[in-house]
Amino acid sequence: MKIHQAPLNRSTRPAEMSLSDLAKLGGGKVAYIKPLTYEEATELFPAIEDMPTGVELFSLNAADGTPLVLTDSRQAAVGHAIGDELEVAHVH
């Protein structure tokens, strides 16, 4: 069976989603993991004091971008997602 893919139309802008639409995305069951710099982590998690510098950090975020967990390993972020019954989406 041959699979045909329509050519991309470079002049068409992708559809924009509102924050409300993003919040509904995945119905509270989808999350993604994002590597963070120290600066990004302190901005997303201002309540955390004495955050270590020079350590690779990861955040588990809800589909709408709401930060849920900050950790120093991708595996720990995945573990939190599993514990909260969230499906981890792969974002490029």
C-alpha atoms as a PDB file:
ATOM      1  CA  MET A   1       0.000   0.000   0.000  1.00  0.00           C
ATOM      2  CA  LYS A   2       1.320   3.419  -0.933  1.00  0.00           C
ATOM      3  CA  ILE A   3       1.010   6.257   1.540  1.00  0.00           C
ATOM      4  CA  HIS A   4       0.630   9.725   0.119  1.00  0.00           C
ATOM      5  CA  GLN A   5       1.307  12.830   2.103  1.00  0.00           C
ATOM      6  CA  ALA A   6      -0.020  16.186   1.061  1.00  0.00           C
ATOM      7  CA  PRO A   7       2.703  18.760   0.491  1.00  0.00           C
ATOM      8  CA  LEU A   8       3.084  21.354   3.211  1.00  0.00           C
ATOM      9  CA  ASN A   9       1.732  24.761   2.355  1.00  0.00           C
ATOM     10  CA  ARG A  10       4.387  27.118   3.752  1.00  0.00           C
ATOM     11  CA  SER A  11       2.113  30.143   3.430  1.00  0.00           C
ATOM     12  CA  THR A  12      -0.494  28.742   5.816  1.00  0.00           C
ATOM     13  CA  ARG A  13      -0.030  29.667   9.468  1.00  0.00           C
ATOM     14  CA  PRO A  14      -0.627  26.966  12.052  1.00  0.00           C
ATOM     15  CA  ALA A  15      -3.828  27.290  14.007  1.00  0.00           C
ATOM     16  CA  GLU A  16      -3.452  29.210  17.237  1.00  0.00           C
ATOM     17  CA  MET A  17      -4.851  27.855  20.493  1.00  0.00           C
ATOM     18  CA  SER A  18      -6.061  29.919  23.402  1.00  0.00           C
ATOM     19  CA  LEU A  19      -4.896  29.207  26.955  1.00  0.00           C
ATOM     20  CA  SER A  20      -8.359  27.833  27.632  1.00  0.00           C
ATOM     21  CA  ASP A  21      -8.035  25.427  24.683  1.00  0.00           C
ATOM     22  CA  LEU A  22      -4.587  24.338  25.877  1.00  0.00           C
ATOM     23  CA  ALA A  23      -5.914  23.746  29.390  1.00  0.00           C
ATOM     24  CA  LYS A  24      -8.524  21.374  27.963  1.00  0.00           C
ATOM     25  CA  LEU A  25      -5.964  19.548  25.816  1.00  0.00           C
ATOM     26  CA  GLY A  26      -5.523  16.019  27.055  1.00  0.00           C
ATOM     27  CA  GLY A  27      -8.303  16.414  29.625  1.00  0.00           C
ATOM     28  CA  GLY A  28      -5.788  16.712  32.453  1.00  0.00           C
ATOM     29  CA  LYS A  29      -4.233  13.383  31.472  1.00  0.00           C
ATOM     30  CA  VAL A  30      -1.366  14.544  29.238  1.00  0.00           C
ATOM     31  CA  ALA A  31       1.913  16.125  30.300  1.00  0.00           C
ATOM     32  CA  TYR A  32       5.346  16.772  28.858  1.00  0.00           C
ATOM     33  CA  ILE A  33       8.876  16.895  30.226  1.00  0.00           C
ATOM     34  CA  LYS A  34      11.073  19.886  29.509  1.00  0.00           C
ATOM     35  CA  PRO A  35      14.787  20.297  30.247  1.00  0.00           C
ATOM     36  CA  LEU A  36      15.423  23.608  32.010  1.00  0.00           C
ATOM     37  CA  THR A  37      18.307  25.937  32.600  1.00  0.00           C
ATOM     38  CA  TYR A  38      18.841  27.266  36.118  1.00  0.00           C
ATOM     39  CA  GLU A  39      17.301  30.607  35.061  1.00  0.00           C
ATOM     40  CA  GLU A  40      14.210  28.954  33.550  1.00  0.00           C
ATOM     41  CA  ALA A  41      13.761  26.799  36.662  1.00  0.00           C
ATOM     42  CA  THR A  42      13.937  29.764  39.049  1.00  0.00           C
ATOM     43  CA  GLU A  43      11.369  31.590  36.917  1.00  0.00           C
ATOM     44  CA  LEU A  44       8.925  28.655  36.763  1.00  0.00           C
ATOM     45  CA  PHE A  45       9.433  27.618  40.397  1.00  0.00           C
ATOM     46  CA  PRO A  46      10.096  30.865  42.329  1.00  0.00           C
ATOM     47  CA  ALA A  47       9.135  29.314  45.680  1.00  0.00           C
ATOM     48  CA  ILE A  48      12.082  26.902  45.617  1.00  0.00           C
ATOM     49  CA  GLU A  49      15.007  28.361  47.533  1.00  0.00           C
ATOM     50  CA  ASP A  50      18.646  27.301  47.252  1.00  0.00           C
ATOM     51  CA  MET A  51      18.178  25.718  43.842  1.00  0.00           C
ATOM     52  CA  PRO A  52      21.454  24.051  42.802  1.00  0.00           C
ATOM     53  CA  THR A  53      23.406  25.573  39.940  1.00  0.00           C
ATOM     54  CA  GLY A  54      25.236  23.512  37.357  1.00  0.00           C
ATOM     55  CA  VAL A  55      22.730  20.648  37.606  1.00  0.00           C
ATOM     56  CA  GLU A  56      20.575  19.503  34.705  1.00  0.00           C
ATOM     57  CA  LEU A  57      16.946  20.162  35.649  1.00  0.00           C
ATOM     58  CA  PHE A  58      13.655  18.869  34.247  1.00  0.00           C
ATOM     59  CA  SER A  59      10.094  20.035  34.723  1.00  0.00           C
ATOM     60  CA  LEU A  60       6.962  17.977  34.291  1.00  0.00           C
ATOM     61  CA  ASN A  61       4.356  20.290  32.795  1.00  0.00           C
ATOM     62  CA  ALA A  62       0.644  19.895  32.152  1.00  0.00           C
ATOM     63  CA  ALA A  63      -0.419  20.109  28.504  1.00  0.00           C
ATOM     64  CA  ASP A  64      -1.221  23.807  28.976  1.00  0.00           C
ATOM     65  CA  GLY A  65       2.321  24.497  30.219  1.00  0.00           C
ATOM     66  CA  THR A  66       1.522  24.640  33.926  1.00  0.00           C
ATOM     67  CA  PRO A  67       4.630  23.436  35.785  1.00  0.00           C
ATOM     68  CA  LEU A  68       3.867  20.444  38.014  1.00  0.00           C
ATOM     69  CA  VAL A  69       7.202  19.030  39.212  1.00  0.00           C
ATOM     70  CA  LEU A  70      10.855  20.074  39.166  1.00  0.00           C
ATOM     71  CA  THR A  71      13.510  17.373  39.367  1.00  0.00           C
ATOM     72  CA  ASP A  72      17.130  16.685  38.484  1.00  0.00           C
ATOM     73  CA  SER A  73      16.443  13.618  36.319  1.00  0.00           C
ATOM     74  CA  ARG A  74      14.185  12.800  33.406  1.00  0.00           C
ATOM     75  CA  GLN A  75      13.437   9.410  35.000  1.00  0.00           C
ATOM     76  CA  ALA A  76      12.099  11.065  38.162  1.00  0.00           C
ATOM     77  CA  ALA A  77       9.848  13.303  36.039  1.00  0.00           C
ATOM     78  CA  VAL A  78       8.531  10.219  34.212  1.00  0.00           C
ATOM     79  CA  GLY A  79       7.971   8.521  37.582  1.00  0.00           C
ATOM     80  CA  HIS A  80       5.892  11.469  38.796  1.00  0.00           C
ATOM     81  CA  ALA A  81       3.848  11.367  35.594  1.00  0.00           C
ATOM     82  CA  ILE A  82       3.180   7.654  36.022  1.00  0.00           C
ATOM     83  CA  GLY A  83       2.276   8.145  39.679  1.00  0.00           C
ATOM     84  CA  ASP A  84      -0.187  10.861  38.705  1.00  0.00           C
ATOM     85  CA  GLU A  85      -1.566   8.700  35.875  1.00  0.00           C
ATOM     86  CA  LEU A  86      -0.430  11.162  33.214  1.00  0.00           C
ATOM     87  CA  GLU A  87       0.590  10.210  29.702  1.00  0.00           C
ATOM     88  CA  VAL A  88       3.875  11.806  28.707  1.00  0.00           C
ATOM     89  CA  ALA A  89       3.709  13.414  25.275  1.00  0.00           C
ATOM     90  CA  HIS A  90       6.919  13.767  23.295  1.00  0.00           C
ATOM     91  CA  VAL A  91       7.422  17.396  22.293  1.00  0.00           C
ATOM     92  CA  HIS A  92       9.955  18.461  19.671  1.00  0.00           C
END
